[in-house]
């Protein structure tokens, strides 16, 4: 058993994940859970949507991740006047050669920060959806593959409504996690002030992780096993979002649509990555319960009754986790 664990676990002190987490913590105070989830998403080959008020280090967390990895990075500021060509690129005519050539857009990078993603119109979201799902984009009549690894980390402000476009459910479903950032406590806010207000602002860490290490870590995650009882537990959790009346009949009016089978897939993938970070070659129900809210919260469509009664998706997920027997 110990040999199997060693085969999939990073070294305790100098592992891929520990180096990355430690490096990111040098520029981000608090938000430990958010940083861990971002690393899990990286190991899971998934995309992340980060929601929170301005000033809670959403953008800084992504740029720090990109700086800590020897990979290409692009930041795209989404605006209402953004066009699909501004994202994926376009065809340019070359008079000397008498032919068109592709000019690639900023989406051609290993890590893409989609800042304020909900400010872009439907056509841009459609182009981004193809990139996220197919790992390719269509320019003119040609399909161009995106570099591997490819990861989209998007941010949005849940408060602002003017000039924003709600993301389509199909696109929301492509994010492995939806993370919500919280305000720091008093000690953390003092540490943030000391780090930023009284030091050189904008300093980023040097790369500590290579793309080859990411590929090797993902292969190790693939070897993490899931027992049949834990698989059934994941399926039952997702199915409970579609049959909320079986959890509590009083919750029935609050759910319009439950999570899709993609939620089950992402629960399994993310649970394996979390087990890997914990130094195990097997998934426990605690791994599933820990990441379930981040996997499910953007996949449950609530009703007007839920909004009127101030019932959130997190409230529903908590009730489901409390109701579902743990194997």
C-alpha atoms as a PDB file:
ATOM      1  CA  UNK A   1       0.000   0.000   0.000  1.00  0.00           C
ATOM      2  CA  UNK A   2       2.775   2.434   0.864  1.00  0.00           C
ATOM      3  CA  UNK A   3       4.412   1.836  -2.500  1.00  0.00           C
ATOM      4  CA  UNK A   4       1.186   2.638  -4.321  1.00  0.00           C
ATOM      5  CA  UNK A   5       0.768   5.874  -2.371  1.00  0.00           C
ATOM      6  CA  UNK A   6       4.330   6.930  -3.132  1.00  0.00           C
ATOM      7  CA  UNK A   7       3.733   6.262  -6.806  1.00  0.00           C
ATOM      8  CA  UNK A   8       1.052   8.935  -7.064  1.00  0.00           C
ATOM      9  CA  UNK A   9       2.030  11.356  -4.302  1.00  0.00           C
ATOM     10  CA  UNK A  10       4.313  14.383  -4.603  1.00  0.00           C
ATOM     11  CA  UNK A  11       7.341  14.515  -2.300  1.00  0.00           C
ATOM     12  CA  UNK A  12       6.369  16.071   1.014  1.00  0.00           C
ATOM     13  CA  UNK A  13       8.650  19.102   0.775  1.00  0.00           C
ATOM     14  CA  UNK A  14       9.375  19.689  -2.901  1.00  0.00           C
ATOM     15  CA  UNK A  15       6.312  18.364  -4.678  1.00  0.00           C
ATOM     16  CA  UNK A  16       4.698  20.017  -7.652  1.00  0.00           C
ATOM     17  CA  UNK A  17       1.621  21.098  -5.691  1.00  0.00           C
ATOM     18  CA  UNK A  18       3.416  22.188  -2.523  1.00  0.00           C
ATOM     19  CA  UNK A  19       5.845  24.377  -4.489  1.00  0.00           C
ATOM     20  CA  UNK A  20       3.005  25.953  -6.437  1.00  0.00           C
ATOM     21  CA  UNK A  21       0.840  26.577  -3.370  1.00  0.00           C
ATOM     22  CA  UNK A  22       3.758  28.002  -1.392  1.00  0.00           C
ATOM     23  CA  UNK A  23       4.724  30.330  -4.224  1.00  0.00           C
ATOM     24  CA  UNK A  24       1.173  31.605  -4.718  1.00  0.00           C
ATOM     25  CA  UNK A  25       0.843  32.227  -0.969  1.00  0.00           C
ATOM     26  CA  UNK A  26       3.751  34.687  -1.149  1.00  0.00           C
ATOM     27  CA  UNK A  27       1.566  37.207  -2.992  1.00  0.00           C
ATOM     28  CA  UNK A  28      -1.925  36.164  -1.822  1.00  0.00           C
ATOM     29  CA  UNK A  29      -2.889  36.553   1.840  1.00  0.00           C
ATOM     30  CA  UNK A  30      -5.576  34.136   3.002  1.00  0.00           C
ATOM     31  CA  UNK A  31      -7.858  32.642   0.309  1.00  0.00           C
ATOM     32  CA  UNK A  32      -6.171  29.289   0.969  1.00  0.00           C
ATOM     33  CA  UNK A  33      -9.193  27.306  -0.165  1.00  0.00           C
ATOM     34  CA  UNK A  34      -9.417  29.279  -3.411  1.00  0.00           C
ATOM     35  CA  UNK A  35      -5.742  28.657  -4.167  1.00  0.00           C
ATOM     36  CA  UNK A  36      -6.142  24.947  -3.456  1.00  0.00           C
ATOM     37  CA  UNK A  37      -9.163  24.710  -5.738  1.00  0.00           C
ATOM     38  CA  UNK A  38      -7.279  26.444  -8.542  1.00  0.00           C
ATOM     39  CA  UNK A  39      -4.456  23.898  -8.232  1.00  0.00           C
ATOM     40  CA  UNK A  40      -7.007  21.061  -8.193  1.00  0.00           C
ATOM     41  CA  UNK A  41      -8.573  22.474 -11.374  1.00  0.00           C
ATOM     42  CA  UNK A  42      -5.133  22.657 -12.975  1.00  0.00           C
ATOM     43  CA  UNK A  43      -4.549  18.996 -12.116  1.00  0.00           C
ATOM     44  CA  UNK A  44      -8.030  18.135 -13.410  1.00  0.00           C
ATOM     45  CA  UNK A  45      -7.613  19.911 -16.757  1.00  0.00           C
ATOM     46  CA  UNK A  46     -10.623  22.067 -15.888  1.00  0.00           C
ATOM     47  CA  UNK A  47     -11.669  25.712 -16.056  1.00  0.00           C
ATOM     48  CA  UNK A  48     -12.576  27.894 -13.079  1.00  0.00           C
ATOM     49  CA  UNK A  49     -15.082  30.706 -12.562  1.00  0.00           C
ATOM     50  CA  UNK A  50     -14.208  32.988  -9.621  1.00  0.00           C
ATOM     51  CA  UNK A  51     -16.962  35.230  -8.292  1.00  0.00           C
ATOM     52  CA  UNK A  52     -16.513  37.983  -5.766  1.00  0.00           C
ATOM     53  CA  UNK A  53     -16.613  41.696  -5.058  1.00  0.00           C
ATOM     54  CA  UNK A  54     -13.793  43.939  -6.348  1.00  0.00           C
ATOM     55  CA  UNK A  55     -10.531  43.921  -4.421  1.00  0.00           C
ATOM     56  CA  UNK A  56     -10.617  40.297  -3.199  1.00  0.00           C
ATOM     57  CA  UNK A  57      -7.537  39.150  -5.168  1.00  0.00           C
ATOM     58  CA  UNK A  58      -9.406  37.271  -7.910  1.00  0.00           C
ATOM     59  CA  UNK A  59      -7.279  38.656 -10.735  1.00  0.00           C
ATOM     60  CA  UNK A  60      -4.096  38.621  -8.637  1.00  0.00           C
ATOM     61  CA  UNK A  61      -4.567  34.920  -7.848  1.00  0.00           C
ATOM     62  CA  UNK A  62      -4.742  34.068 -11.552  1.00  0.00           C
ATOM     63  CA  UNK A  63      -1.771  36.218 -12.547  1.00  0.00           C
ATOM     64  CA  UNK A  64       0.260  34.740  -9.690  1.00  0.00           C
ATOM     65  CA  UNK A  65      -0.575  31.217 -10.866  1.00  0.00           C
ATOM     66  CA  UNK A  66       0.504  32.113 -14.388  1.00  0.00           C
ATOM     67  CA  UNK A  67       3.763  33.645 -13.141  1.00  0.00           C
ATOM     68  CA  UNK A  68       4.574  30.534 -11.103  1.00  0.00           C
ATOM     69  CA  UNK A  69       4.273  28.260 -14.149  1.00  0.00           C
ATOM     70  CA  UNK A  70       6.624  28.231 -17.142  1.00  0.00           C
ATOM     71  CA  UNK A  71       3.717  28.620 -19.549  1.00  0.00           C
ATOM     72  CA  UNK A  72       2.209  31.245 -21.820  1.00  0.00           C
ATOM     73  CA  UNK A  73      -0.365  33.583 -20.278  1.00  0.00           C
ATOM     74  CA  UNK A  74      -2.838  36.102 -21.677  1.00  0.00           C
ATOM     75  CA  UNK A  75      -5.258  38.410 -19.918  1.00  0.00           C
ATOM     76  CA  UNK A  76      -8.413  39.399 -21.781  1.00  0.00           C
ATOM     77  CA  UNK A  77     -10.511  42.240 -20.379  1.00  0.00           C
ATOM     78  CA  UNK A  78     -14.065  41.471 -21.419  1.00  0.00           C
ATOM     79  CA  UNK A  79     -16.185  44.465 -22.455  1.00  0.00           C
ATOM     80  CA  UNK A  80     -19.614  44.867 -24.124  1.00  0.00           C
ATOM     81  CA  UNK A  81     -17.984  45.894 -27.421  1.00  0.00           C
ATOM     82  CA  UNK A  82     -15.646  42.874 -27.581  1.00  0.00           C
ATOM     83  CA  UNK A  83     -15.871  40.856 -30.810  1.00  0.00           C
ATOM     84  CA  UNK A  84     -15.160  37.136 -31.330  1.00  0.00           C
ATOM     85  CA  UNK A  85     -12.187  38.075 -33.541  1.00  0.00           C
ATOM     86  CA  UNK A  86     -10.703  40.022 -30.611  1.00  0.00           C
ATOM     87  CA  UNK A  87     -10.670  36.746 -28.709  1.00  0.00           C
ATOM     88  CA  UNK A  88      -9.812  33.985 -31.197  1.00  0.00           C
ATOM     89  CA  UNK A  89      -8.183  35.945 -34.022  1.00  0.00           C
ATOM     90  CA  UNK A  90      -9.065  36.575 -37.649  1.00  0.00           C
ATOM     91  CA  UNK A  91      -8.044  36.015 -41.277  1.00  0.00           C
ATOM     92  CA  UNK A  92      -5.637  38.621 -42.676  1.00  0.00           C
ATOM     93  CA  UNK A  93      -5.099  39.109 -46.405  1.00  0.00           C
ATOM     94  CA  UNK A  94      -1.456  39.277 -47.496  1.00  0.00           C
ATOM     95  CA  UNK A  95      -1.277  41.211 -50.796  1.00  0.00           C
ATOM     96  CA  UNK A  96       2.286  40.098 -51.582  1.00  0.00           C
ATOM     97  CA  UNK A  97       1.451  36.424 -51.265  1.00  0.00           C
ATOM     98  CA  UNK A  98      -2.061  36.893 -52.603  1.00  0.00           C
ATOM     99  CA  UNK A  99      -3.560  34.733 -49.866  1.00  0.00           C
ATOM    100  CA  UNK A 100      -5.135  34.875 -46.429  1.00  0.00           C
ATOM    101  CA  UNK A 101      -3.321  33.881 -43.260  1.00  0.00           C
ATOM    102  CA  UNK A 102      -4.525  33.422 -39.719  1.00  0.00           C
ATOM    103  CA  UNK A 103      -3.655  36.004 -37.099  1.00  0.00           C
ATOM    104  CA  UNK A 104      -4.149  34.257 -33.774  1.00  0.00           C
ATOM    105  CA  UNK A 105      -5.887  36.013 -30.913  1.00  0.00           C
ATOM    106  CA  UNK A 106      -5.032  36.053 -27.206  1.00  0.00           C
ATOM    107  CA  UNK A 107      -6.966  32.827 -26.577  1.00  0.00           C
ATOM    108  CA  UNK A 108      -3.894  30.950 -27.856  1.00  0.00           C
ATOM    109  CA  UNK A 109      -2.162  30.591 -24.504  1.00  0.00           C
ATOM    110  CA  UNK A 110      -1.776  27.933 -21.841  1.00  0.00           C
ATOM    111  CA  UNK A 111      -3.479  30.032 -19.158  1.00  0.00           C
ATOM    112  CA  UNK A 112      -6.132  32.588 -20.110  1.00  0.00           C
ATOM    113  CA  UNK A 113      -7.588  35.095 -17.664  1.00  0.00           C
ATOM    114  CA  UNK A 114     -11.086  36.098 -18.778  1.00  0.00           C
ATOM    115  CA  UNK A 115     -11.518  39.163 -16.580  1.00  0.00           C
ATOM    116  CA  UNK A 116     -15.125  40.236 -15.937  1.00  0.00           C
ATOM    117  CA  UNK A 117     -16.359  37.510 -18.238  1.00  0.00           C
ATOM    118  CA  UNK A 118     -20.020  38.456 -17.840  1.00  0.00           C
ATOM    119  CA  UNK A 119     -19.456  41.779 -19.634  1.00  0.00           C
ATOM    120  CA  UNK A 120     -19.058  40.126 -23.055  1.00  0.00           C
ATOM    121  CA  UNK A 121     -22.017  39.599 -25.434  1.00  0.00           C
ATOM    122  CA  UNK A 122     -23.376  36.257 -26.653  1.00  0.00           C
ATOM    123  CA  UNK A 123     -21.180  35.903 -29.772  1.00  0.00           C
ATOM    124  CA  UNK A 124     -18.009  36.219 -27.712  1.00  0.00           C
ATOM    125  CA  UNK A 125     -19.331  33.740 -25.148  1.00  0.00           C
ATOM    126  CA  UNK A 126     -20.078  31.310 -27.967  1.00  0.00           C
ATOM    127  CA  UNK A 127     -16.496  31.525 -29.244  1.00  0.00           C
ATOM    128  CA  UNK A 128     -15.164  31.035 -25.719  1.00  0.00           C
ATOM    129  CA  UNK A 129     -17.456  28.051 -25.203  1.00  0.00           C
ATOM    130  CA  UNK A 130     -15.916  26.249 -28.185  1.00  0.00           C
ATOM    131  CA  UNK A 131     -12.429  26.937 -26.844  1.00  0.00           C
ATOM    132  CA  UNK A 132     -13.300  25.654 -23.365  1.00  0.00           C
ATOM    133  CA  UNK A 133     -15.040  22.489 -24.516  1.00  0.00           C
ATOM    134  CA  UNK A 134     -13.208  21.486 -27.687  1.00  0.00           C
ATOM    135  CA  UNK A 135      -9.781  22.991 -26.922  1.00  0.00           C
ATOM    136  CA  UNK A 136      -9.921  24.549 -30.387  1.00  0.00           C
ATOM    137  CA  UNK A 137     -11.310  27.636 -32.123  1.00  0.00           C
ATOM    138  CA  UNK A 138     -12.745  28.206 -35.571  1.00  0.00           C
ATOM    139  CA  UNK A 139     -11.280  31.068 -37.610  1.00  0.00           C
ATOM    140  CA  UNK A 140     -12.877  31.482 -41.004  1.00  0.00           C
ATOM    141  CA  UNK A 141     -13.313  27.941 -42.292  1.00  0.00           C
ATOM    142  CA  UNK A 142     -10.409  26.502 -40.320  1.00  0.00           C
ATOM    143  CA  UNK A 143     -10.278  24.889 -36.888  1.00  0.00           C
ATOM    144  CA  UNK A 144      -7.136  25.702 -34.939  1.00  0.00           C
ATOM    145  CA  UNK A 145      -6.101  23.608 -31.899  1.00  0.00           C
ATOM    146  CA  UNK A 146      -5.216  25.471 -28.722  1.00  0.00           C
ATOM    147  CA  UNK A 147      -1.945  24.852 -26.875  1.00  0.00           C
ATOM    148  CA  UNK A 148      -1.836  22.148 -24.219  1.00  0.00           C
ATOM    149  CA  UNK A 149      -2.347  22.523 -21.358  1.00  0.00           C
ATOM    150  CA  UNK A 150      -5.155  25.037 -21.802  1.00  0.00           C
ATOM    151  CA  UNK A 151      -6.994  26.554 -18.858  1.00  0.00           C
ATOM    152  CA  UNK A 152      -9.507  29.409 -18.617  1.00  0.00           C
ATOM    153  CA  UNK A 153      -9.810  31.223 -15.295  1.00  0.00           C
ATOM    154  CA  UNK A 154     -12.684  33.682 -15.414  1.00  0.00           C
ATOM    155  CA  UNK A 155     -13.743  36.338 -12.928  1.00  0.00           C
ATOM    156  CA  UNK A 156     -17.031  38.124 -12.445  1.00  0.00           C
ATOM    157  CA  UNK A 157     -18.540  40.622 -10.028  1.00  0.00           C
ATOM    158  CA  UNK A 158     -21.910  39.345  -8.732  1.00  0.00           C
ATOM    159  CA  UNK A 159     -23.065  42.806  -7.635  1.00  0.00           C
ATOM    160  CA  UNK A 160     -22.924  44.857 -10.839  1.00  0.00           C
ATOM    161  CA  UNK A 161     -25.821  44.478 -13.269  1.00  0.00           C
ATOM    162  CA  UNK A 162     -25.377  47.342 -15.759  1.00  0.00           C
ATOM    163  CA  UNK A 163     -23.556  46.303 -18.902  1.00  0.00           C
ATOM    164  CA  UNK A 164     -23.412  42.622 -17.971  1.00  0.00           C
ATOM    165  CA  UNK A 165     -24.702  39.486 -19.677  1.00  0.00           C
ATOM    166  CA  UNK A 166     -25.591  36.423 -17.587  1.00  0.00           C
ATOM    167  CA  UNK A 167     -23.532  33.449 -18.710  1.00  0.00           C
ATOM    168  CA  UNK A 168     -25.526  30.747 -20.540  1.00  0.00           C
ATOM    169  CA  UNK A 169     -26.164  27.577 -18.549  1.00  0.00           C
ATOM    170  CA  UNK A 170     -24.259  25.569 -21.177  1.00  0.00           C
ATOM    171  CA  UNK A 171     -21.164  27.661 -20.615  1.00  0.00           C
ATOM    172  CA  UNK A 172     -21.499  27.623 -16.831  1.00  0.00           C
ATOM    173  CA  UNK A 173     -21.567  23.836 -17.029  1.00  0.00           C
ATOM    174  CA  UNK A 174     -18.100  23.833 -18.643  1.00  0.00           C
ATOM    175  CA  UNK A 175     -16.449  25.252 -15.529  1.00  0.00           C
ATOM    176  CA  UNK A 176     -15.274  22.530 -13.180  1.00  0.00           C
ATOM    177  CA  UNK A 177     -15.547  24.930 -10.218  1.00  0.00           C
ATOM    178  CA  UNK A 178     -17.376  28.087  -9.340  1.00  0.00           C
ATOM    179  CA  UNK A 179     -15.471  29.694  -6.467  1.00  0.00           C
ATOM    180  CA  UNK A 180     -16.701  32.500  -4.257  1.00  0.00           C
ATOM    181  CA  UNK A 181     -14.192  34.762  -2.551  1.00  0.00           C
ATOM    182  CA  UNK A 182     -14.852  36.156   0.904  1.00  0.00           C
ATOM    183  CA  UNK A 183     -13.574  39.233   2.736  1.00  0.00           C
ATOM    184  CA  UNK A 184     -10.394  38.674   4.781  1.00  0.00           C
ATOM    185  CA  UNK A 185     -10.427  38.742   8.550  1.00  0.00           C
ATOM    186  CA  UNK A 186      -8.790  41.593  10.517  1.00  0.00           C
ATOM    187  CA  UNK A 187      -5.312  40.034  10.763  1.00  0.00           C
ATOM    188  CA  UNK A 188      -5.309  39.073   7.096  1.00  0.00           C
ATOM    189  CA  UNK A 189      -6.317  42.586   6.064  1.00  0.00           C
ATOM    190  CA  UNK A 190      -3.404  44.041   8.049  1.00  0.00           C
ATOM    191  CA  UNK A 191      -1.073  41.574   6.323  1.00  0.00           C
ATOM    192  CA  UNK A 192      -2.481  42.583   2.925  1.00  0.00           C
ATOM    193  CA  UNK A 193      -1.898  46.246   3.724  1.00  0.00           C
ATOM    194  CA  UNK A 194       1.698  45.527   4.766  1.00  0.00           C
ATOM    195  CA  UNK A 195       2.333  43.444   1.641  1.00  0.00           C
ATOM    196  CA  UNK A 196       0.921  45.861  -0.905  1.00  0.00           C
ATOM    197  CA  UNK A 197       0.819  49.377   0.546  1.00  0.00           C
ATOM    198  CA  UNK A 198       4.332  49.385   2.008  1.00  0.00           C
ATOM    199  CA  UNK A 199       6.219  47.227  -0.508  1.00  0.00           C
ATOM    200  CA  UNK A 200       6.825  47.222  -4.250  1.00  0.00           C
ATOM    201  CA  UNK A 201       3.396  46.602  -5.710  1.00  0.00           C
ATOM    202  CA  UNK A 202       3.010  44.290  -8.664  1.00  0.00           C
ATOM    203  CA  UNK A 203       5.978  42.017  -7.986  1.00  0.00           C
ATOM    204  CA  UNK A 204       5.310  38.499  -9.233  1.00  0.00           C
ATOM    205  CA  UNK A 205       7.134  35.257  -8.379  1.00  0.00           C
ATOM    206  CA  UNK A 206       9.530  33.479 -10.691  1.00  0.00           C
ATOM    207  CA  UNK A 207       8.369  30.234 -12.349  1.00  0.00           C
ATOM    208  CA  UNK A 208       8.675  27.193 -10.080  1.00  0.00           C
ATOM    209  CA  UNK A 209       6.698  24.633 -12.108  1.00  0.00           C
ATOM    210  CA  UNK A 210       7.132  23.452 -15.694  1.00  0.00           C
ATOM    211  CA  UNK A 211       4.523  22.191 -18.139  1.00  0.00           C
ATOM    212  CA  UNK A 212       6.203  18.778 -18.044  1.00  0.00           C
ATOM    213  CA  UNK A 213       5.584  18.579 -14.293  1.00  0.00           C
ATOM    214  CA  UNK A 214       1.925  19.419 -14.812  1.00  0.00           C
ATOM    215  CA  UNK A 215       1.608  16.633 -17.380  1.00  0.00           C
ATOM    216  CA  UNK A 216       3.299  14.139 -15.047  1.00  0.00           C
ATOM    217  CA  UNK A 217       1.103  15.195 -12.118  1.00  0.00           C
ATOM    218  CA  UNK A 218      -2.027  14.745 -14.223  1.00  0.00           C
ATOM    219  CA  UNK A 219      -0.896  11.246 -15.127  1.00  0.00           C
ATOM    220  CA  UNK A 220      -0.437  10.519 -11.413  1.00  0.00           C
ATOM    221  CA  UNK A 221      -3.941  11.828 -10.697  1.00  0.00           C
ATOM    222  CA  UNK A 222      -5.308   9.417 -13.314  1.00  0.00           C
ATOM    223  CA  UNK A 223      -3.908   6.539 -11.240  1.00  0.00           C
ATOM    224  CA  UNK A 224      -5.816   7.554  -8.087  1.00  0.00           C
ATOM    225  CA  UNK A 225      -8.530   4.961  -7.544  1.00  0.00           C
ATOM    226  CA  UNK A 226     -12.154   5.384  -6.524  1.00  0.00           C
ATOM    227  CA  UNK A 227     -14.000   2.569  -4.769  1.00  0.00           C
ATOM    228  CA  UNK A 228     -17.395   1.557  -6.117  1.00  0.00           C
ATOM    229  CA  UNK A 229     -19.198   2.779  -2.991  1.00  0.00           C
ATOM    230  CA  UNK A 230     -17.660   6.254  -3.384  1.00  0.00           C
ATOM    231  CA  UNK A 231     -18.664   6.346  -7.065  1.00  0.00           C
ATOM    232  CA  UNK A 232     -22.232   5.560  -6.047  1.00  0.00           C
ATOM    233  CA  UNK A 233     -22.065   8.304  -3.421  1.00  0.00           C
ATOM    234  CA  UNK A 234     -21.077  10.844  -6.092  1.00  0.00           C
ATOM    235  CA  UNK A 235     -23.917   9.768  -8.375  1.00  0.00           C
ATOM    236  CA  UNK A 236     -26.451   9.925  -5.546  1.00  0.00           C
ATOM    237  CA  UNK A 237     -25.343  13.458  -4.627  1.00  0.00           C
ATOM    238  CA  UNK A 238     -25.807  14.694  -8.194  1.00  0.00           C
ATOM    239  CA  UNK A 239     -29.120  12.871  -8.632  1.00  0.00           C
ATOM    240  CA  UNK A 240     -30.366  14.463  -5.415  1.00  0.00           C
ATOM    241  CA  UNK A 241     -30.109  17.881  -7.082  1.00  0.00           C
ATOM    242  CA  UNK A 242     -32.611  16.649  -9.695  1.00  0.00           C
ATOM    243  CA  UNK A 243     -34.927  15.042  -7.144  1.00  0.00           C
ATOM    244  CA  UNK A 244     -34.739  17.542  -4.317  1.00  0.00           C
ATOM    245  CA  UNK A 245     -38.133  16.402  -3.036  1.00  0.00           C
ATOM    246  CA  UNK A 246     -36.458  13.203  -1.851  1.00  0.00           C
ATOM    247  CA  UNK A 247     -34.193  15.301   0.364  1.00  0.00           C
ATOM    248  CA  UNK A 248     -36.957  17.503   1.741  1.00  0.00           C
ATOM    249  CA  UNK A 249     -40.387  18.067   0.209  1.00  0.00           C
ATOM    250  CA  UNK A 250     -40.279  21.681   1.400  1.00  0.00           C
ATOM    251  CA  UNK A 251     -37.376  22.315  -0.994  1.00  0.00           C
ATOM    252  CA  UNK A 252     -39.291  21.225  -4.101  1.00  0.00           C
ATOM    253  CA  UNK A 253     -40.386  24.742  -5.196  1.00  0.00           C
ATOM    254  CA  UNK A 254     -36.838  26.040  -5.022  1.00  0.00           C
ATOM    255  CA  UNK A 255     -35.168  23.974  -7.771  1.00  0.00           C
ATOM    256  CA  UNK A 256     -35.938  24.470 -11.449  1.00  0.00           C
ATOM    257  CA  UNK A 257     -33.144  22.328 -12.873  1.00  0.00           C
ATOM    258  CA  UNK A 258     -30.635  19.970 -11.275  1.00  0.00           C
ATOM    259  CA  UNK A 259     -27.013  19.231 -12.161  1.00  0.00           C
ATOM    260  CA  UNK A 260     -26.113  17.410 -15.368  1.00  0.00           C
ATOM    261  CA  UNK A 261     -24.019  14.220 -15.648  1.00  0.00           C
ATOM    262  CA  UNK A 262     -21.032  16.499 -16.271  1.00  0.00           C
ATOM    263  CA  UNK A 263     -21.234  17.306 -12.552  1.00  0.00           C
ATOM    264  CA  UNK A 264     -20.704  13.620 -11.752  1.00  0.00           C
ATOM    265  CA  UNK A 265     -17.696  13.487 -14.045  1.00  0.00           C
ATOM    266  CA  UNK A 266     -16.146  16.591 -12.511  1.00  0.00           C
ATOM    267  CA  UNK A 267     -16.840  15.341  -8.994  1.00  0.00           C
ATOM    268  CA  UNK A 268     -14.835  12.221  -9.778  1.00  0.00           C
ATOM    269  CA  UNK A 269     -11.965  14.062 -11.489  1.00  0.00           C
ATOM    270  CA  UNK A 270     -11.667  16.774  -8.831  1.00  0.00           C
ATOM    271  CA  UNK A 271     -11.918  14.265  -5.977  1.00  0.00           C
ATOM    272  CA  UNK A 272      -8.996  12.335  -7.420  1.00  0.00           C
ATOM    273  CA  UNK A 273      -6.950  15.519  -7.709  1.00  0.00           C
ATOM    274  CA  UNK A 274      -7.756  16.452  -4.106  1.00  0.00           C
ATOM    275  CA  UNK A 275      -6.728  12.988  -2.916  1.00  0.00           C
ATOM    276  CA  UNK A 276      -3.458  13.433  -4.813  1.00  0.00           C
ATOM    277  CA  UNK A 277      -2.842  16.745  -3.040  1.00  0.00           C
ATOM    278  CA  UNK A 278      -3.480  14.989   0.272  1.00  0.00           C
ATOM    279  CA  UNK A 279      -0.855  12.347  -0.578  1.00  0.00           C
ATOM    280  CA  UNK A 280      -3.263   9.455  -1.148  1.00  0.00           C
ATOM    281  CA  UNK A 281      -3.831   7.101  -4.065  1.00  0.00           C
ATOM    282  CA  UNK A 282      -7.516   6.627  -3.222  1.00  0.00           C
ATOM    283  CA  UNK A 283     -10.536   8.906  -2.879  1.00  0.00           C
ATOM    284  CA  UNK A 284     -12.469   9.178   0.382  1.00  0.00           C
ATOM    285  CA  UNK A 285     -16.022  10.471   0.870  1.00  0.00           C
ATOM    286  CA  UNK A 286     -14.464  13.488   2.627  1.00  0.00           C
ATOM    287  CA  UNK A 287     -12.738  14.424  -0.657  1.00  0.00           C
ATOM    288  CA  UNK A 288     -16.129  14.369  -2.361  1.00  0.00           C
ATOM    289  CA  UNK A 289     -17.869  16.395   0.344  1.00  0.00           C
ATOM    290  CA  UNK A 290     -15.067  18.976   0.374  1.00  0.00           C
ATOM    291  CA  UNK A 291     -15.290  19.853  -3.312  1.00  0.00           C
ATOM    292  CA  UNK A 292     -19.010  19.162  -3.903  1.00  0.00           C
ATOM    293  CA  UNK A 293     -20.194  22.757  -3.247  1.00  0.00           C
ATOM    294  CA  UNK A 294     -17.705  24.205  -5.755  1.00  0.00           C
ATOM    295  CA  UNK A 295     -18.682  21.634  -8.390  1.00  0.00           C
ATOM    296  CA  UNK A 296     -22.447  21.878  -7.907  1.00  0.00           C
ATOM    297  CA  UNK A 297     -23.282  25.496  -6.998  1.00  0.00           C
ATOM    298  CA  UNK A 298     -23.355  26.796 -10.584  1.00  0.00           C
ATOM    299  CA  UNK A 299     -25.160  23.734 -11.948  1.00  0.00           C
ATOM    300  CA  UNK A 300     -28.351  24.023  -9.896  1.00  0.00           C
ATOM    301  CA  UNK A 301     -30.890  26.436 -11.338  1.00  0.00           C
ATOM    302  CA  UNK A 302     -33.043  27.914  -8.583  1.00  0.00           C
ATOM    303  CA  UNK A 303     -36.531  29.369  -8.925  1.00  0.00           C
ATOM    304  CA  UNK A 304     -38.030  32.773  -8.139  1.00  0.00           C
ATOM    305  CA  UNK A 305     -39.411  31.252  -4.932  1.00  0.00           C
ATOM    306  CA  UNK A 306     -35.862  30.497  -3.799  1.00  0.00           C
ATOM    307  CA  UNK A 307     -34.807  34.082  -4.455  1.00  0.00           C
ATOM    308  CA  UNK A 308     -37.853  35.411  -2.637  1.00  0.00           C
ATOM    309  CA  UNK A 309     -37.123  33.199   0.393  1.00  0.00           C
ATOM    310  CA  UNK A 310     -33.343  33.929   0.262  1.00  0.00           C
ATOM    311  CA  UNK A 311     -32.536  30.254  -0.364  1.00  0.00           C
ATOM    312  CA  UNK A 312     -29.208  29.874  -2.198  1.00  0.00           C
ATOM    313  CA  UNK A 313     -27.689  26.960  -4.063  1.00  0.00           C
ATOM    314  CA  UNK A 314     -25.186  26.612  -1.221  1.00  0.00           C
ATOM    315  CA  UNK A 315     -28.090  26.163   1.190  1.00  0.00           C
ATOM    316  CA  UNK A 316     -29.512  23.408  -1.001  1.00  0.00           C
ATOM    317  CA  UNK A 317     -26.147  21.667  -1.351  1.00  0.00           C
ATOM    318  CA  UNK A 318     -25.675  21.740   2.422  1.00  0.00           C
ATOM    319  CA  UNK A 319     -29.048  20.049   2.889  1.00  0.00           C
ATOM    320  CA  UNK A 320     -28.179  17.421   0.278  1.00  0.00           C
ATOM    321  CA  UNK A 321     -24.823  16.641   1.905  1.00  0.00           C
ATOM    322  CA  UNK A 322     -26.499  16.339   5.291  1.00  0.00           C
ATOM    323  CA  UNK A 323     -29.203  14.037   3.919  1.00  0.00           C
ATOM    324  CA  UNK A 324     -27.108  11.709   1.783  1.00  0.00           C
ATOM    325  CA  UNK A 325     -25.644   8.725   3.725  1.00  0.00           C
ATOM    326  CA  UNK A 326     -21.846   8.633   3.638  1.00  0.00           C
ATOM    327  CA  UNK A 327     -20.348   5.247   2.671  1.00  0.00           C
END
